[in-house]
Amino acid sequence: MPEGLARRLGTTDAVVVGLSAMIGAGVFAVFAPAAAVAGDWLLVSLALAAAVAYCNATSSARLAAVHPESGGAYVYGRRRLGPLWGYLAGWGFTVGKTASCAAMALTFGAYVLPGLERPLAVGAVAALTLLNLFGVQRSAGVARIIVVFVLAVLLAVIVAGLVGDDSVTFGWFSYSPLPYDPYAPDIWGILQAGGLLFFAFAGYARIATLGEEVRDPARTIPRAIRIALGITLVVYLLVAVAALRTLGPVLLATRPAPLSELVREAGFGWLAPVVVAGAAVATLGALLALLLGVSRTVLAMARERDLPGALAAVDPVRQTPRRAELAVGGAVIVLLLVADLREAIGFSSFGVLAYYAIANAAALRLHRDEGAPPRAVPVTGLALCVVLAATLPVTSVVAGLAVFAIGLTIYAVRRRRADR
């Protein structure tokens, strides 16, 4: 364990970190594509996504207590399952979170400048990558400010949706998205929406990375995860209820900036600029954090020679992984030029679900004296990760499998060269 890391963080601090990772840009973007496939059963899909998130976070927390190192499931997979599984976890995280960056950038553009969201998204990624090259990072204090502001915006959206004019929908089940009966659940649609909604919960495992800096991590981290997930679920549930009441599943599914549309339809049009500001702050904050996180994972994988060693270079003056940051920023921009928001969210969910499937498998290898979670938790998490990944939109599944096939090919070639 590195020297000099003081255990100063308590449960409240850890909860704030978790909320800053979860209460972010995903809530402004993910309900539209999820409503398109789940319709009035969106709340069931949300509960399913929350259950998967809980299992994944619990497994990650127990693994983090045993392996307090940077890299998350990349490290857990290597230690518990072997180098190949660690590599696949790291590869899934890298490609999945690169797609998350694209989704965040597109969400920013959709709220701030509809119709020109793609060029604005490219500009945002380029600007934040440039900032990262100079070592600009979001401090814990700024993260707290962002959390408070975004929560205030979402509270305003919830109030507007619950008390405003709902004449557009005439109640809960006025609209039915395309050819299905809202009273009869479409199991495939519910599962697919659960996989898409999982995108909004991504980030909870950041609490597990605090293992070196929290007091009594074995007790504090699981408790903080439960509290942060509970708060996030309540907020997302209320947003979903407000959106369904005011817009109905059809309008919710077809609007690029659904929460702005919600306050307008509810008769609170003056709140729309506030929602835009909240979305902009949340997406830019999340995008900055994601670009930093992915570039550091690329750096770690390059140091282990699981990615080209040239990406492990660190700028001697600013102490930043400049090549890794440029590579990640370039990859996100390329993705922005070829993918839309739903494709980016689906592809991101596929990669991250694969990542957490490996984390749950690694947790199954923990022993009782290492604080292993109840076996049902990682088993359920692993099974649900596989099911939700398989039921994502076909384009997301095909693209995800293709990217993992490319990753396996790269791994095999590099290992063969290393063995010569």
Protein backbone atom coordinates (compact mmCIF):
# COMPACT_ATOMS: atom_id res chain seq x y z
CA MET A 1 0.00 0.00 0.00
CA PRO A 2 1.42 3.44 -0.87
CA GLU A 3 2.86 5.58 1.91
CA GLY A 4 1.24 8.82 2.99
CA LEU A 5 -2.45 8.06 2.43
CA ALA A 6 -4.25 9.11 5.58
CA ARG A 7 -7.50 7.43 6.60
CA ARG A 8 -9.53 10.61 7.04
CA LEU A 9 -12.79 9.80 5.25
CA GLY A 10 -15.84 8.62 7.12
CA THR A 11 -19.15 7.23 5.89
CA THR A 12 -20.57 10.65 4.95
CA ASP A 13 -17.53 11.50 2.84
CA ALA A 14 -17.71 8.16 1.05
CA VAL A 15 -21.44 8.63 0.39
CA VAL A 16 -20.76 12.05 -1.19
CA VAL A 17 -18.15 10.50 -3.46
CA GLY A 18 -20.60 7.83 -4.52
CA LEU A 19 -23.37 10.36 -5.16
CA SER A 20 -21.02 12.53 -7.22
CA ALA A 21 -20.37 9.51 -9.42
CA MET A 22 -24.00 8.37 -9.74
CA ILE A 23 -26.18 11.48 -9.57
CA GLY A 24 -24.87 12.89 -12.80
CA ALA A 25 -25.40 13.10 -16.49
CA GLY A 26 -26.92 9.64 -16.92
CA VAL A 27 -30.25 10.69 -15.44
CA PHE A 28 -30.58 13.43 -18.09
CA ALA A 29 -30.04 11.00 -20.98
CA VAL A 30 -30.97 7.42 -20.22
CA PHE A 31 -34.72 7.58 -19.57
CA ALA A 32 -35.54 8.33 -23.21
CA PRO A 33 -33.99 5.20 -24.79
CA ALA A 34 -35.15 3.07 -21.84
CA ALA A 35 -38.75 4.30 -22.19
CA ALA A 36 -38.67 3.44 -25.90
CA VAL A 37 -38.39 -0.27 -25.07
CA ALA A 38 -40.00 -0.56 -21.61
CA GLY A 39 -42.81 2.00 -21.90
CA ASP A 40 -44.98 2.08 -18.79
CA TRP A 41 -42.87 -0.69 -17.27
CA LEU A 42 -39.92 1.67 -16.98
CA LEU A 43 -40.07 1.54 -13.17
CA VAL A 44 -39.64 -2.24 -13.19
CA SER A 45 -36.56 -1.87 -15.38
CA LEU A 46 -35.21 0.77 -13.02
CA ALA A 47 -35.57 -1.58 -10.04
CA LEU A 48 -33.79 -4.30 -12.01
CA ALA A 49 -30.90 -1.97 -12.86
CA ALA A 50 -30.64 -0.96 -9.19
CA ALA A 51 -30.49 -4.63 -8.12
CA VAL A 52 -27.66 -5.31 -10.56
CA ALA A 53 -25.85 -2.20 -9.35
CA TYR A 54 -26.17 -3.33 -5.72
CA CYS A 55 -24.73 -6.80 -6.42
CA ASN A 56 -21.88 -5.38 -8.49
CA ALA A 57 -21.03 -2.70 -5.96
CA THR A 58 -21.09 -5.16 -3.04
CA SER A 59 -18.74 -7.56 -4.83
CA SER A 60 -16.43 -4.68 -5.80
CA ALA A 61 -16.38 -3.36 -2.23
CA ARG A 62 -15.34 -6.72 -0.77
CA LEU A 63 -12.65 -7.15 -3.44
CA ALA A 64 -11.36 -3.61 -2.85
CA ALA A 65 -10.88 -4.38 0.85
CA VAL A 66 -8.66 -7.35 -0.06
CA HIS A 67 -6.90 -5.74 -3.06
CA PRO A 68 -6.61 -2.00 -2.29
CA GLU A 69 -4.94 -1.15 -5.61
CA SER A 70 -5.79 1.08 -8.57
CA GLY A 71 -7.40 -0.66 -11.51
CA GLY A 72 -10.59 -2.14 -10.06
CA ALA A 73 -11.74 -5.35 -11.76
CA TYR A 74 -8.64 -5.26 -13.96
CA VAL A 75 -6.67 -6.01 -10.80
CA TYR A 76 -9.31 -8.31 -9.26
CA GLY A 77 -9.52 -10.40 -12.42
CA ARG A 78 -5.75 -10.76 -12.67
CA ARG A 79 -5.40 -11.72 -9.00
CA ARG A 80 -8.38 -14.08 -8.72
CA LEU A 81 -9.07 -15.45 -12.20
CA GLY A 82 -5.87 -15.03 -14.18
CA PRO A 83 -4.22 -12.46 -16.50
CA LEU A 84 -6.64 -13.03 -19.40
CA TRP A 85 -9.74 -12.26 -17.32
CA GLY A 86 -8.07 -9.21 -15.82
CA TYR A 87 -7.23 -8.04 -19.32
CA LEU A 88 -10.81 -8.55 -20.50
CA ALA A 89 -12.12 -6.58 -17.52
CA GLY A 90 -9.73 -3.73 -18.26
CA TRP A 91 -10.58 -3.86 -21.97
CA GLY A 92 -14.32 -3.85 -21.21
CA PHE A 93 -13.92 -0.90 -18.87
CA THR A 94 -11.82 1.04 -21.35
CA VAL A 95 -14.12 0.59 -24.34
CA GLY A 96 -17.29 0.89 -22.24
CA LYS A 97 -16.25 4.08 -20.52
CA THR A 98 -14.97 5.52 -23.80
CA ALA A 99 -18.53 5.08 -25.07
CA SER A 100 -19.77 6.66 -21.82
CA CYS A 101 -17.65 9.71 -22.61
CA ALA A 102 -19.33 9.92 -26.02
CA ALA A 103 -22.77 9.58 -24.43
CA MET A 104 -22.00 12.32 -21.89
CA ALA A 105 -20.75 14.64 -24.61
CA LEU A 106 -23.82 14.01 -26.79
CA THR A 107 -26.11 14.63 -23.80
CA PHE A 108 -24.36 17.94 -23.20
CA GLY A 109 -24.88 18.95 -26.82
CA ALA A 110 -28.53 17.79 -26.89
CA TYR A 111 -29.46 19.97 -23.92
CA VAL A 112 -27.32 23.03 -24.69
CA LEU A 113 -27.62 23.30 -28.49
CA PRO A 114 -30.20 20.92 -30.00
CA GLY A 115 -29.54 20.27 -33.67
CA LEU A 116 -25.82 20.93 -33.30
CA GLU A 117 -25.19 18.47 -30.50
CA ARG A 118 -22.52 16.49 -32.38
CA PRO A 119 -20.09 19.36 -33.17
CA LEU A 120 -20.66 20.79 -29.69
CA ALA A 121 -19.90 17.36 -28.20
CA VAL A 122 -16.67 17.10 -30.19
CA GLY A 123 -15.66 20.56 -29.01
CA ALA A 124 -16.38 19.67 -25.37
CA VAL A 125 -14.24 16.51 -25.55
CA ALA A 126 -11.39 18.37 -27.23
CA ALA A 127 -11.50 21.17 -24.64
CA LEU A 128 -11.60 18.84 -21.63
CA THR A 129 -8.83 16.66 -23.05
CA LEU A 130 -6.73 19.80 -23.39
CA LEU A 131 -7.50 20.72 -19.79
CA ASN A 132 -6.47 17.25 -18.64
CA LEU A 133 -3.14 17.60 -20.42
CA PHE A 134 -2.40 20.48 -18.08
CA GLY A 135 -3.31 18.44 -15.04
CA VAL A 136 -6.69 20.06 -14.37
CA GLN A 137 -8.78 17.73 -12.16
CA ARG A 138 -12.08 18.08 -10.36
CA SER A 139 -11.49 18.53 -6.65
CA ALA A 140 -13.58 16.94 -3.93
CA GLY A 141 -15.00 20.36 -3.08
CA VAL A 142 -16.14 20.96 -6.67
CA ALA A 143 -17.66 17.46 -6.72
CA ARG A 144 -19.76 18.35 -3.68
CA ILE A 145 -20.95 21.57 -5.32
CA ILE A 146 -21.91 19.69 -8.47
CA VAL A 147 -23.84 17.07 -6.46
CA VAL A 148 -25.79 19.72 -4.54
CA PHE A 149 -26.60 21.70 -7.69
CA VAL A 150 -27.68 18.68 -9.74
CA LEU A 151 -29.80 17.33 -6.86
CA ALA A 152 -31.49 20.74 -6.58
CA VAL A 153 -32.25 20.74 -10.32
CA LEU A 154 -33.63 17.20 -10.18
CA LEU A 155 -35.77 18.11 -7.17
CA ALA A 156 -37.23 20.99 -9.16
CA VAL A 157 -37.93 18.61 -12.08
CA ILE A 158 -39.62 16.12 -9.74
CA VAL A 159 -41.83 18.77 -8.15
CA ALA A 160 -42.78 20.18 -11.56
CA GLY A 161 -43.65 16.74 -12.88
CA LEU A 162 -45.69 15.72 -9.85
CA VAL A 163 -47.68 18.91 -9.29
CA GLY A 164 -47.78 20.43 -12.77
CA ASP A 165 -50.31 20.13 -15.56
CA ASP A 166 -50.56 16.52 -16.74
CA SER A 167 -53.13 17.18 -19.44
CA VAL A 168 -50.70 15.91 -22.06
CA THR A 169 -50.93 12.34 -20.82
CA PHE A 170 -54.36 12.30 -19.13
CA GLY A 171 -53.05 10.00 -16.46
CA TRP A 172 -50.58 7.17 -16.27
CA PHE A 173 -51.48 4.89 -19.17
CA SER A 174 -52.72 7.24 -21.86
CA TYR A 175 -49.89 6.48 -24.23
CA SER A 176 -48.48 3.20 -25.42
CA PRO A 177 -45.07 3.16 -27.16
CA LEU A 178 -45.52 1.63 -30.56
CA PRO A 179 -47.02 -1.86 -30.89
CA TYR A 180 -47.44 -3.20 -27.37
CA ASP A 181 -50.03 -3.22 -24.63
CA PRO A 182 -48.80 -1.16 -21.64
CA TYR A 183 -50.70 -3.45 -19.28
CA ALA A 184 -48.91 -6.56 -20.52
CA PRO A 185 -45.16 -6.49 -19.71
CA ASP A 186 -42.76 -7.11 -22.56
CA ILE A 187 -40.09 -9.10 -20.72
CA TRP A 188 -37.47 -8.52 -23.39
CA GLY A 189 -38.15 -4.77 -23.36
CA ILE A 190 -37.98 -4.66 -19.56
CA LEU A 191 -34.62 -6.45 -19.57
CA GLN A 192 -33.25 -4.29 -22.38
CA ALA A 193 -34.30 -1.12 -20.57
CA GLY A 194 -32.70 -2.46 -17.39
CA GLY A 195 -29.41 -2.77 -19.24
CA LEU A 196 -29.73 0.76 -20.60
CA LEU A 197 -30.70 2.18 -17.19
CA PHE A 198 -27.66 0.50 -15.68
CA PHE A 199 -25.72 3.23 -17.48
CA ALA A 200 -27.22 5.80 -15.11
CA PHE A 201 -25.95 3.93 -12.03
CA ALA A 202 -22.42 3.49 -13.38
CA GLY A 203 -19.91 5.09 -11.03
CA TYR A 204 -21.02 3.61 -7.71
CA ALA A 205 -17.90 1.43 -7.54
CA ARG A 206 -15.83 4.59 -7.16
CA ILE A 207 -16.56 4.24 -3.44
CA ALA A 208 -14.66 0.96 -3.47
CA THR A 209 -11.53 2.73 -4.71
CA LEU A 210 -11.35 4.63 -1.41
CA GLY A 211 -10.09 1.57 0.44
CA GLU A 212 -6.78 3.23 1.31
CA GLU A 213 -8.29 6.49 2.56
CA VAL A 214 -11.41 5.67 4.60
CA ARG A 215 -11.59 4.80 8.24
CA ASP A 216 -12.49 1.15 8.85
CA PRO A 217 -12.95 0.38 5.11
CA ALA A 218 -14.40 -3.11 5.62
CA ARG A 219 -17.32 -1.53 7.48
CA THR A 220 -17.50 1.97 5.96
CA ILE A 221 -17.38 1.09 2.25
CA PRO A 222 -20.30 -1.40 2.18
CA ARG A 223 -22.41 0.96 4.32
CA ALA A 224 -21.62 3.95 2.10
CA ILE A 225 -22.47 1.95 -1.01
CA ARG A 226 -25.86 0.97 0.40
CA ILE A 227 -26.69 4.55 1.40
CA ALA A 228 -25.52 6.11 -1.88
CA LEU A 229 -27.35 3.51 -3.97
CA GLY A 230 -30.50 3.99 -1.90
CA ILE A 231 -30.49 7.77 -2.34
CA THR A 232 -29.79 7.44 -6.06
CA LEU A 233 -32.60 4.92 -6.55
CA VAL A 234 -35.11 7.17 -4.77
CA VAL A 235 -34.09 10.18 -6.88
CA TYR A 236 -34.22 8.22 -10.14
CA LEU A 237 -37.53 6.63 -9.19
CA LEU A 238 -39.13 10.01 -8.53
CA VAL A 239 -37.74 11.43 -11.79
CA ALA A 240 -39.14 8.44 -13.70
CA VAL A 241 -42.55 8.81 -12.03
CA ALA A 242 -42.63 12.53 -12.83
CA ALA A 243 -41.59 11.90 -16.43
CA LEU A 244 -44.19 9.18 -17.02
CA ARG A 245 -46.93 11.26 -15.41
CA THR A 246 -46.20 14.38 -17.44
CA LEU A 247 -44.91 13.07 -20.77
CA GLY A 248 -46.02 9.47 -20.98
CA PRO A 249 -43.70 6.83 -22.45
CA VAL A 250 -44.07 7.95 -26.08
CA LEU A 251 -43.05 11.57 -25.60
CA LEU A 252 -40.41 10.52 -23.07
CA ALA A 253 -38.92 8.11 -25.60
CA THR A 254 -38.82 10.58 -28.47
CA ARG A 255 -37.36 13.71 -26.88
CA PRO A 256 -33.55 14.24 -27.01
CA ALA A 257 -33.71 16.42 -23.87
CA PRO A 258 -36.61 14.80 -21.96
CA LEU A 259 -36.25 16.59 -18.63
CA SER A 260 -36.36 20.01 -20.29
CA GLU A 261 -39.46 18.86 -22.16
CA LEU A 262 -40.95 17.63 -18.88
CA VAL A 263 -40.87 21.02 -17.16
CA ARG A 264 -42.28 22.73 -20.27
CA GLU A 265 -45.19 20.31 -20.56
CA ALA A 266 -45.86 20.58 -16.82
CA GLY A 267 -46.34 24.36 -17.17
CA PHE A 268 -42.98 25.33 -15.65
CA GLY A 269 -41.29 26.51 -18.85
CA TRP A 270 -39.24 29.04 -16.90
CA LEU A 271 -37.40 26.09 -15.33
CA ALA A 272 -36.15 24.80 -18.70
CA PRO A 273 -32.97 26.96 -18.69
CA VAL A 274 -32.23 25.73 -15.15
CA VAL A 275 -32.58 22.12 -16.33
CA VAL A 276 -30.26 22.88 -19.26
CA ALA A 277 -27.74 24.35 -16.83
CA GLY A 278 -28.03 21.29 -14.58
CA ALA A 279 -27.53 18.94 -17.51
CA ALA A 280 -24.54 20.96 -18.73
CA VAL A 281 -22.88 20.98 -15.30
CA ALA A 282 -23.58 17.29 -14.72
CA THR A 283 -22.40 16.16 -18.14
CA LEU A 284 -19.24 18.25 -18.20
CA GLY A 285 -18.33 17.16 -14.67
CA ALA A 286 -18.98 13.51 -15.50
CA LEU A 287 -17.16 13.82 -18.83
CA LEU A 288 -14.10 15.31 -17.19
CA ALA A 289 -14.03 12.56 -14.54
CA LEU A 290 -14.56 9.83 -17.16
CA LEU A 291 -11.77 11.09 -19.42
CA LEU A 292 -9.44 11.13 -16.43
CA GLY A 293 -10.52 7.67 -15.26
CA VAL A 294 -10.24 5.97 -18.65
CA SER A 295 -6.85 7.49 -19.37
CA ARG A 296 -5.56 6.20 -16.00
CA THR A 297 -6.86 2.70 -16.76
CA VAL A 298 -5.13 2.85 -20.15
CA LEU A 299 -1.96 3.90 -18.34
CA ALA A 300 -2.22 0.95 -15.92
CA MET A 301 -2.83 -1.54 -18.74
CA ALA A 302 0.06 -0.09 -20.76
CA ARG A 303 2.39 -0.53 -17.79
CA GLU A 304 1.45 -4.22 -17.69
CA ARG A 305 1.97 -4.38 -21.48
CA ASP A 306 -1.70 -5.25 -22.01
CA LEU A 307 -1.80 -2.12 -24.19
CA PRO A 308 1.09 -0.61 -26.19
CA GLY A 309 3.87 0.41 -23.83
CA ALA A 310 4.12 3.84 -25.47
CA LEU A 311 0.83 4.76 -23.75
CA ALA A 312 2.51 4.36 -20.34
CA ALA A 313 4.62 7.50 -20.83
CA VAL A 314 4.14 10.21 -18.20
CA ASP A 315 4.85 13.86 -18.90
CA PRO A 316 7.96 14.71 -16.81
CA VAL A 317 6.83 18.29 -16.12
CA ARG A 318 3.10 18.04 -15.42
CA GLN A 319 3.12 14.38 -14.29
CA THR A 320 0.16 13.47 -16.49
CA PRO A 321 -0.22 10.46 -18.83
CA ARG A 322 -0.27 12.69 -21.90
CA ARG A 323 -0.24 9.96 -24.54
CA ALA A 324 -2.98 7.98 -22.82
CA GLU A 325 -5.12 11.11 -22.49
CA LEU A 326 -4.66 12.02 -26.15
CA ALA A 327 -5.47 8.44 -27.20
CA VAL A 328 -8.66 8.39 -25.13
CA GLY A 329 -9.76 11.83 -26.30
CA GLY A 330 -9.14 10.86 -29.92
CA ALA A 331 -11.07 7.60 -29.53
CA VAL A 332 -14.07 9.44 -28.03
CA ILE A 333 -14.11 11.95 -30.88
CA VAL A 334 -14.03 9.17 -33.46
CA LEU A 335 -16.95 7.48 -31.70
CA LEU A 336 -18.87 10.76 -31.64
CA LEU A 337 -18.59 10.95 -35.42
CA VAL A 338 -20.16 7.54 -36.02
CA ALA A 339 -22.58 6.84 -33.12
CA ASP A 340 -25.78 8.36 -31.80
CA LEU A 341 -26.74 8.72 -28.14
CA ARG A 342 -28.65 5.46 -27.78
CA GLU A 343 -25.89 3.48 -29.51
CA ALA A 344 -23.28 5.04 -27.23
CA ILE A 345 -25.33 4.24 -24.11
CA GLY A 346 -25.98 0.66 -25.22
CA PHE A 347 -22.36 0.04 -26.17
CA SER A 348 -21.17 1.56 -22.89
CA SER A 349 -23.56 -0.61 -20.90
CA PHE A 350 -22.34 -3.74 -22.70
CA GLY A 351 -18.69 -3.05 -21.91
CA VAL A 352 -19.31 -2.09 -18.29
CA LEU A 353 -21.65 -5.04 -17.69
CA ALA A 354 -18.89 -7.35 -18.96
CA TYR A 355 -16.47 -5.60 -16.61
CA TYR A 356 -18.71 -6.19 -13.60
CA ALA A 357 -19.48 -9.75 -14.63
CA ILE A 358 -15.77 -10.43 -14.20
CA ALA A 359 -15.75 -8.56 -10.88
CA ASN A 360 -18.57 -10.79 -9.60
CA ALA A 361 -16.76 -13.90 -10.82
CA ALA A 362 -13.65 -12.73 -8.97
CA ALA A 363 -15.72 -12.17 -5.81
CA LEU A 364 -16.78 -15.82 -5.96
CA ARG A 365 -13.12 -16.70 -5.36
CA LEU A 366 -12.97 -14.79 -2.09
CA HIS A 367 -12.75 -16.89 1.09
CA ARG A 368 -14.80 -16.40 4.21
CA ASP A 369 -11.81 -15.09 6.16
CA GLU A 370 -11.33 -12.46 3.42
CA GLY A 371 -14.80 -11.04 3.96
CA ALA A 372 -16.48 -12.84 1.08
CA PRO A 373 -20.03 -11.56 0.43
CA PRO A 374 -22.95 -13.99 0.68
CA ARG A 375 -22.56 -16.26 -2.34
CA ALA A 376 -25.98 -15.28 -3.67
CA VAL A 377 -24.77 -11.70 -4.24
CA PRO A 378 -21.97 -12.34 -6.79
CA VAL A 379 -23.94 -15.22 -8.36
CA THR A 380 -26.95 -12.96 -8.89
CA GLY A 381 -24.77 -10.10 -10.06
CA LEU A 382 -22.91 -12.29 -12.56
CA ALA A 383 -26.12 -13.81 -13.94
CA LEU A 384 -27.90 -10.46 -14.28
CA CYS A 385 -24.88 -8.82 -15.91
CA VAL A 386 -24.83 -11.55 -18.56
CA VAL A 387 -28.62 -11.42 -19.09
CA LEU A 388 -28.80 -7.64 -19.35
CA ALA A 389 -25.80 -7.48 -21.67
CA ALA A 390 -27.39 -10.11 -23.95
CA THR A 391 -30.70 -8.23 -24.12
CA LEU A 392 -29.27 -4.83 -25.04
CA PRO A 393 -30.05 -3.49 -28.54
CA VAL A 394 -28.70 -5.85 -31.20
CA THR A 395 -26.33 -3.23 -32.59
CA SER A 396 -24.83 -2.72 -29.11
CA VAL A 397 -24.38 -6.48 -28.56
CA VAL A 398 -22.82 -7.07 -31.98
CA ALA A 399 -20.51 -4.07 -31.65
CA GLY A 400 -19.56 -5.12 -28.12
CA LEU A 401 -18.75 -8.69 -29.12
CA ALA A 402 -16.73 -7.41 -32.09
CA VAL A 403 -14.71 -5.09 -29.86
CA PHE A 404 -14.03 -7.89 -27.38
CA ALA A 405 -12.95 -10.13 -30.26
CA ILE A 406 -10.51 -7.43 -31.33
CA GLY A 407 -9.28 -7.18 -27.76
CA LEU A 408 -8.71 -10.94 -27.55
CA THR A 409 -6.80 -10.86 -30.83
CA ILE A 410 -4.55 -8.07 -29.55
CA TYR A 411 -3.98 -10.00 -26.33
CA ALA A 412 -3.06 -13.20 -28.15
CA VAL A 413 -0.66 -11.41 -30.52
CA ARG A 414 1.08 -9.52 -27.73
CA ARG A 415 1.43 -12.64 -25.55
CA ARG A 416 2.82 -14.61 -28.47
CA ARG A 417 5.43 -11.94 -29.10
CA ALA A 418 6.28 -11.80 -25.40
CA ASP A 419 6.85 -15.57 -25.30
CA ARG A 420 9.38 -15.53 -28.15
